[in-house]
C-alpha atoms as a PDB file:
ATOM      1  CA  UNK A   1      42.891  28.286  23.596  1.00  0.00           C
ATOM      2  CA  UNK A   2      42.562  24.579  24.126  1.00  0.00           C
ATOM      3  CA  UNK A   3      44.247  22.614  26.890  1.00  0.00           C
ATOM      4  CA  UNK A   4      47.466  20.894  25.902  1.00  0.00           C
ATOM      5  CA  UNK A   5      46.223  17.503  27.010  1.00  0.00           C
ATOM      6  CA  UNK A   6      43.249  17.499  24.508  1.00  0.00           C
ATOM      7  CA  UNK A   7      43.695  17.010  20.801  1.00  0.00           C
ATOM      8  CA  UNK A   8      41.466  18.567  18.155  1.00  0.00           C
ATOM      9  CA  UNK A   9      39.791  15.214  17.342  1.00  0.00           C
ATOM     10  CA  UNK A  10      38.922  14.697  21.026  1.00  0.00           C
ATOM     11  CA  UNK A  11      37.253  18.120  21.139  1.00  0.00           C
ATOM     12  CA  UNK A  12      35.278  17.263  17.995  1.00  0.00           C
ATOM     13  CA  UNK A  13      34.169  13.964  19.562  1.00  0.00           C
ATOM     14  CA  UNK A  14      33.041  15.738  22.741  1.00  0.00           C
ATOM     15  CA  UNK A  15      31.056  18.293  20.695  1.00  0.00           C
ATOM     16  CA  UNK A  16      29.354  15.492  18.708  1.00  0.00           C
ATOM     17  CA  UNK A  17      28.516  13.711  21.979  1.00  0.00           C
ATOM     18  CA  UNK A  18      27.032  16.911  23.464  1.00  0.00           C
ATOM     19  CA  UNK A  19      24.997  17.486  20.287  1.00  0.00           C
ATOM     20  CA  UNK A  20      23.658  13.902  20.375  1.00  0.00           C
ATOM     21  CA  UNK A  21      22.722  14.228  24.054  1.00  0.00           C
ATOM     22  CA  UNK A  22      20.898  17.490  23.351  1.00  0.00           C
ATOM     23  CA  UNK A  23      18.942  15.854  20.553  1.00  0.00           C
ATOM     24  CA  UNK A  24      18.095  12.836  22.734  1.00  0.00           C
ATOM     25  CA  UNK A  25      16.907  14.911  25.655  1.00  0.00           C
ATOM     26  CA  UNK A  26      14.634  17.047  23.485  1.00  0.00           C
ATOM     27  CA  UNK A  27      11.916  14.513  24.170  1.00  0.00           C
ATOM     28  CA  UNK A  28       9.199  14.506  21.542  1.00  0.00           C
ATOM     29  CA  UNK A  29       9.636  14.938  17.805  1.00  0.00           C
ATOM     30  CA  UNK A  30       6.685  14.988  15.404  1.00  0.00           C
ATOM     31  CA  UNK A  31       7.531  14.893  11.721  1.00  0.00           C
ATOM     32  CA  UNK A  32       4.775  15.562   9.196  1.00  0.00           C
ATOM     33  CA  UNK A  33       4.898  14.728   5.481  1.00  0.00           C
ATOM     34  CA  UNK A  34       2.380  17.424   4.490  1.00  0.00           C
ATOM     35  CA  UNK A  35       0.920  20.209   6.638  1.00  0.00           C
ATOM     36  CA  UNK A  36      -1.998  20.745   4.236  1.00  0.00           C
ATOM     37  CA  UNK A  37      -4.133  17.921   2.857  1.00  0.00           C
ATOM     38  CA  UNK A  38      -6.784  18.315   0.145  1.00  0.00           C
ATOM     39  CA  UNK A  39      -9.316  15.556  -0.531  1.00  0.00           C
ATOM     40  CA  UNK A  40     -12.687  15.270  -2.322  1.00  0.00           C
ATOM     41  CA  UNK A  41     -16.082  14.739  -0.723  1.00  0.00           C
ATOM     42  CA  UNK A  42     -16.680  11.009  -0.049  1.00  0.00           C
ATOM     43  CA  UNK A  43     -12.902  10.484  -0.303  1.00  0.00           C
ATOM     44  CA  UNK A  44     -10.374   9.896   2.448  1.00  0.00           C
ATOM     45  CA  UNK A  45      -7.551  11.926   3.977  1.00  0.00           C
ATOM     46  CA  UNK A  46      -4.373  10.541   5.518  1.00  0.00           C
ATOM     47  CA  UNK A  47      -2.607  12.648   8.152  1.00  0.00           C
ATOM     48  CA  UNK A  48       0.804  10.985   8.058  1.00  0.00           C
ATOM     49  CA  UNK A  49       3.070  11.628  11.049  1.00  0.00           C
ATOM     50  CA  UNK A  50       6.240  10.083  12.427  1.00  0.00           C
ATOM     51  CA  UNK A  51       6.674  10.354  16.191  1.00  0.00           C
ATOM     52  CA  UNK A  52       9.915   9.998  18.100  1.00  0.00           C
ATOM     53  CA  UNK A  53       9.969  10.156  21.893  1.00  0.00           C
ATOM     54  CA  UNK A  54      11.190   8.477  25.037  1.00  0.00           C
ATOM     55  CA  UNK A  55       8.894   5.706  26.221  1.00  0.00           C
ATOM     56  CA  UNK A  56       5.375   4.987  25.011  1.00  0.00           C
ATOM     57  CA  UNK A  57       3.434   8.191  24.350  1.00  0.00           C
ATOM     58  CA  UNK A  58      -0.263   8.986  24.379  1.00  0.00           C
ATOM     59  CA  UNK A  59      -1.638  10.269  21.074  1.00  0.00           C
ATOM     60  CA  UNK A  60      -4.649  12.570  20.861  1.00  0.00           C
ATOM     61  CA  UNK A  61      -6.204  13.986  17.675  1.00  0.00           C
ATOM     62  CA  UNK A  62      -8.520  17.028  17.823  1.00  0.00           C
ATOM     63  CA  UNK A  63     -10.508  18.859  15.140  1.00  0.00           C
ATOM     64  CA  UNK A  64     -10.859  22.653  15.152  1.00  0.00           C
ATOM     65  CA  UNK A  65     -13.118  24.530  12.790  1.00  0.00           C
ATOM     66  CA  UNK A  66     -14.546  28.019  12.797  1.00  0.00           C
ATOM     67  CA  UNK A  67     -17.596  26.887  14.748  1.00  0.00           C
ATOM     68  CA  UNK A  68     -16.440  24.006  16.946  1.00  0.00           C
ATOM     69  CA  UNK A  69     -13.705  21.949  18.553  1.00  0.00           C
ATOM     70  CA  UNK A  70     -14.141  18.180  18.597  1.00  0.00           C
ATOM     71  CA  UNK A  71     -12.066  15.319  19.973  1.00  0.00           C
ATOM     72  CA  UNK A  72     -11.504  12.621  17.351  1.00  0.00           C
ATOM     73  CA  UNK A  73      -9.434   9.838  18.922  1.00  0.00           C
ATOM     74  CA  UNK A  74      -6.995   9.118  21.725  1.00  0.00           C
ATOM     75  CA  UNK A  75      -4.793   6.101  22.346  1.00  0.00           C
ATOM     76  CA  UNK A  76      -1.519   4.931  23.813  1.00  0.00           C
ATOM     77  CA  UNK A  77       0.857   4.195  20.969  1.00  0.00           C
ATOM     78  CA  UNK A  78       0.586   0.502  20.206  1.00  0.00           C
ATOM     79  CA  UNK A  79      -2.798   0.156  21.939  1.00  0.00           C
ATOM     80  CA  UNK A  80      -6.363   0.370  20.737  1.00  0.00           C
ATOM     81  CA  UNK A  81      -7.853   3.770  20.003  1.00  0.00           C
ATOM     82  CA  UNK A  82     -10.782   5.420  21.743  1.00  0.00           C
ATOM     83  CA  UNK A  83     -12.696   7.065  18.864  1.00  0.00           C
ATOM     84  CA  UNK A  84     -15.522   9.519  19.548  1.00  0.00           C
ATOM     85  CA  UNK A  85     -19.014   8.578  18.397  1.00  0.00           C
ATOM     86  CA  UNK A  86     -19.093  11.307  15.738  1.00  0.00           C
ATOM     87  CA  UNK A  87     -16.085   9.763  13.946  1.00  0.00           C
ATOM     88  CA  UNK A  88     -16.820   6.106  14.655  1.00  0.00           C
ATOM     89  CA  UNK A  89     -16.593   4.026  11.496  1.00  0.00           C
ATOM     90  CA  UNK A  90     -14.865   6.845   9.588  1.00  0.00           C
ATOM     91  CA  UNK A  91     -11.523   6.952  11.417  1.00  0.00           C
ATOM     92  CA  UNK A  92      -8.611   4.563  11.192  1.00  0.00           C
ATOM     93  CA  UNK A  93      -5.609   4.946  13.492  1.00  0.00           C
ATOM     94  CA  UNK A  94      -2.146   3.728  12.538  1.00  0.00           C
ATOM     95  CA  UNK A  95       0.655   2.300  14.728  1.00  0.00           C
ATOM     96  CA  UNK A  96       2.925   5.295  14.072  1.00  0.00           C
ATOM     97  CA  UNK A  97       0.300   7.824  15.257  1.00  0.00           C
ATOM     98  CA  UNK A  98      -1.071   8.681  11.808  1.00  0.00           C
ATOM     99  CA  UNK A  99      -4.802   9.096  11.232  1.00  0.00           C
ATOM    100  CA  UNK A 100      -7.037   8.375   8.226  1.00  0.00           C
ATOM    101  CA  UNK A 101     -10.517   9.883   7.931  1.00  0.00           C
ATOM    102  CA  UNK A 102     -12.765   8.372   5.264  1.00  0.00           C
ATOM    103  CA  UNK A 103     -16.165   9.272   3.820  1.00  0.00           C
ATOM    104  CA  UNK A 104     -15.253  12.960   4.019  1.00  0.00           C
ATOM    105  CA  UNK A 105     -17.869  15.715   4.215  1.00  0.00           C
ATOM    106  CA  UNK A 106     -17.524  19.422   3.524  1.00  0.00           C
ATOM    107  CA  UNK A 107     -17.843  20.022   7.286  1.00  0.00           C
ATOM    108  CA  UNK A 108     -14.588  18.075   7.817  1.00  0.00           C
ATOM    109  CA  UNK A 109     -12.590  21.001   6.412  1.00  0.00           C
ATOM    110  CA  UNK A 110     -10.577  22.619   9.162  1.00  0.00           C
ATOM    111  CA  UNK A 111      -7.541  22.338  11.369  1.00  0.00           C
ATOM    112  CA  UNK A 112      -6.475  18.997  12.894  1.00  0.00           C
ATOM    113  CA  UNK A 113      -4.149  18.940  15.900  1.00  0.00           C
ATOM    114  CA  UNK A 114      -2.127  15.986  17.093  1.00  0.00           C
ATOM    115  CA  UNK A 115      -0.909  16.082  20.700  1.00  0.00           C
ATOM    116  CA  UNK A 116       1.792  13.646  21.798  1.00  0.00           C
ATOM    117  CA  UNK A 117       2.265  13.266  25.561  1.00  0.00           C
ATOM    118  CA  UNK A 118       5.081  11.327  27.206  1.00  0.00           C
ATOM    119  CA  UNK A 119       4.748   9.405  30.477  1.00  0.00           C
ATOM    120  CA  UNK A 120       6.693  12.180  32.189  1.00  0.00           C
ATOM    121  CA  UNK A 121       3.989  14.697  31.215  1.00  0.00           C
ATOM    122  CA  UNK A 122       5.898  16.496  28.466  1.00  0.00           C
ATOM    123  CA  UNK A 123       3.743  17.098  25.415  1.00  0.00           C
ATOM    124  CA  UNK A 124       4.030  18.548  21.942  1.00  0.00           C
ATOM    125  CA  UNK A 125       1.384  19.664  19.444  1.00  0.00           C
ATOM    126  CA  UNK A 126       1.421  19.763  15.649  1.00  0.00           C
ATOM    127  CA  UNK A 127      -1.306  21.165  13.390  1.00  0.00           C
ATOM    128  CA  UNK A 128      -2.431  20.027   9.957  1.00  0.00           C
ATOM    129  CA  UNK A 129      -5.029  21.611   7.677  1.00  0.00           C
ATOM    130  CA  UNK A 130      -7.649  19.701   5.691  1.00  0.00           C
ATOM    131  CA  UNK A 131      -9.586  21.126   2.752  1.00  0.00           C
ATOM    132  CA  UNK A 132     -12.502  19.035   1.494  1.00  0.00           C
ATOM    133  CA  UNK A 133     -13.538  19.882  -2.066  1.00  0.00           C
ATOM    134  CA  UNK A 134     -16.721  19.166  -3.970  1.00  0.00           C
ATOM    135  CA  UNK A 135     -16.359  16.995  -7.030  1.00  0.00           C
ATOM    136  CA  UNK A 136     -17.818  19.063  -9.853  1.00  0.00           C
ATOM    137  CA  UNK A 137     -17.157  16.606 -12.662  1.00  0.00           C
ATOM    138  CA  UNK A 138     -20.096  14.451 -11.502  1.00  0.00           C
ATOM    139  CA  UNK A 139     -22.452  17.232 -12.612  1.00  0.00           C
ATOM    140  CA  UNK A 140     -20.672  17.574 -15.942  1.00  0.00           C
ATOM    141  CA  UNK A 141     -20.717  13.820 -16.398  1.00  0.00           C
ATOM    142  CA  UNK A 142     -24.477  13.800 -15.744  1.00  0.00           C
ATOM    143  CA  UNK A 143     -24.992  16.569 -18.310  1.00  0.00           C
ATOM    144  CA  UNK A 144     -22.930  14.728 -20.921  1.00  0.00           C
ATOM    145  CA  UNK A 145     -24.854  11.482 -20.400  1.00  0.00           C
ATOM    146  CA  UNK A 146     -28.148  13.386 -20.456  1.00  0.00           C
ATOM    147  CA  UNK A 147     -27.125  15.154 -23.696  1.00  0.00           C
ATOM    148  CA  UNK A 148     -26.137  11.863 -25.333  1.00  0.00           C
ATOM    149  CA  UNK A 149     -29.453  10.308 -24.288  1.00  0.00           C
ATOM    150  CA  UNK A 150     -31.417  13.276 -25.693  1.00  0.00           C
ATOM    151  CA  UNK A 151     -29.399  13.206 -28.932  1.00  0.00           C
ATOM    152  CA  UNK A 152     -30.019   9.476 -29.335  1.00  0.00           C
ATOM    153  CA  UNK A 153     -33.734   9.951 -28.689  1.00  0.00           C
ATOM    154  CA  UNK A 154     -33.878  12.807 -31.230  1.00  0.00           C
ATOM    155  CA  UNK A 155     -32.066  10.677 -33.849  1.00  0.00           C
ATOM    156  CA  UNK A 156     -34.469   7.787 -33.225  1.00  0.00           C
ATOM    157  CA  UNK A 157     -37.506  10.062 -33.541  1.00  0.00           C
ATOM    158  CA  UNK A 158     -36.148  11.555 -36.792  1.00  0.00           C
ATOM    159  CA  UNK A 159     -35.624   8.046 -38.183  1.00  0.00           C
ATOM    160  CA  UNK A 160     -39.201   7.119 -37.198  1.00  0.00           C
ATOM    161  CA  UNK A 161     -40.549  10.285 -38.876  1.00  0.00           C
ATOM    162  CA  UNK A 162     -38.602   9.512 -42.066  1.00  0.00           C
ATOM    163  CA  UNK A 163     -39.882   5.914 -42.117  1.00  0.00           C
ATOM    164  CA  UNK A 164     -43.458   7.057 -41.474  1.00  0.00           C
ATOM    165  CA  UNK A 165     -43.160   9.613 -44.302  1.00  0.00           C
ATOM    166  CA  UNK A 166     -41.928   6.900 -46.695  1.00  0.00           C
ATOM    167  CA  UNK A 167     -44.779   4.632 -45.594  1.00  0.00           C
ATOM    168  CA  UNK A 168     -47.304   7.452 -46.122  1.00  0.00           C
ATOM    169  CA  UNK A 169     -45.969   8.157 -49.629  1.00  0.00           C
ATOM    170  CA  UNK A 170     -46.073   4.437 -50.476  1.00  0.00           C
ATOM    171  CA  UNK A 171     -49.680   4.056 -49.255  1.00  0.00           C
ATOM    172  CA  UNK A 172     -50.750   7.251 -51.077  1.00  0.00           C
ATOM    173  CA  UNK A 173     -49.206   6.021 -54.340  1.00  0.00           C
ATOM    174  CA  UNK A 174     -50.767   2.588 -53.895  1.00  0.00           C
ATOM    175  CA  UNK A 175     -54.234   4.109 -53.333  1.00  0.00           C
ATOM    176  CA  UNK A 176     -53.931   6.323 -56.389  1.00  0.00           C
ATOM    177  CA  UNK A 177     -53.006   3.337 -58.530  1.00  0.00           C
ATOM    178  CA  UNK A 178     -55.966   1.405 -57.178  1.00  0.00           C
ATOM    179  CA  UNK A 179     -58.531   4.166 -57.964  1.00  0.00           C
ATOM    180  CA  UNK A 180     -57.755   4.615 -61.676  1.00  0.00           C
ATOM    181  CA  UNK A 181     -59.224   2.101 -64.167  1.00  0.00           C
ATOM    182  CA  UNK A 182     -56.671  -0.072 -65.892  1.00  0.00           C
ATOM    183  CA  UNK A 183     -57.456   0.837 -69.538  1.00  0.00           C
ATOM    184  CA  UNK A 184     -59.076   4.145 -69.965  1.00  0.00           C
ATOM    185  CA  UNK A 185     -59.685   5.717 -73.253  1.00  0.00           C
ATOM    186  CA  UNK A 186     -59.818   9.400 -73.380  1.00  0.00           C
ATOM    187  CA  UNK A 187     -61.632  11.186 -76.110  1.00  0.00           C
ATOM    188  CA  UNK A 188     -60.170  14.338 -77.349  1.00  0.00           C
ATOM    189  CA  UNK A 189     -62.622  16.990 -78.367  1.00  0.00           C
ATOM    190  CA  UNK A 190     -61.788  19.685 -80.927  1.00  0.00           C
ATOM    191  CA  UNK A 191     -61.809  23.206 -79.735  1.00  0.00           C
END
């Protein structure tokens, strides 16, 4: 039962206000476009995130694979990033906390974790998976080009053989004409 002094619209307004305050005091929100990213070898992968928090957070990206755990980059949002030597030149950080890794290798496949830490010490983690695939069509493309080159070479050799055969027949006929006397008389002998 509601108090007589409060109307239904006032109760609804209070509930909306409480809901908004609860959302605001949650602290850190990390929204991810895709949890799983697939990219080819020598390609690049974008880990797109959207971070919402109170104040200016610290962003840290880590890489976890079956065999190792490696720090990639850390920075205060809006500042310059501290990138580890292993990823130097291959990593690009973005103002919203996103990360791009270029010149991918098969060893880059694994689990990437972003940690967002507020000034107050509250932190939140989010994981993303990367699968790096080998590009197999390069091998097929090589085979096709190699096959075309061999076919062209075979056609050229067959043309050369045909021309050489025609030249041989022409020279043979020319020699035979040159060996016979021009006017020969043949005597026929009775049997």
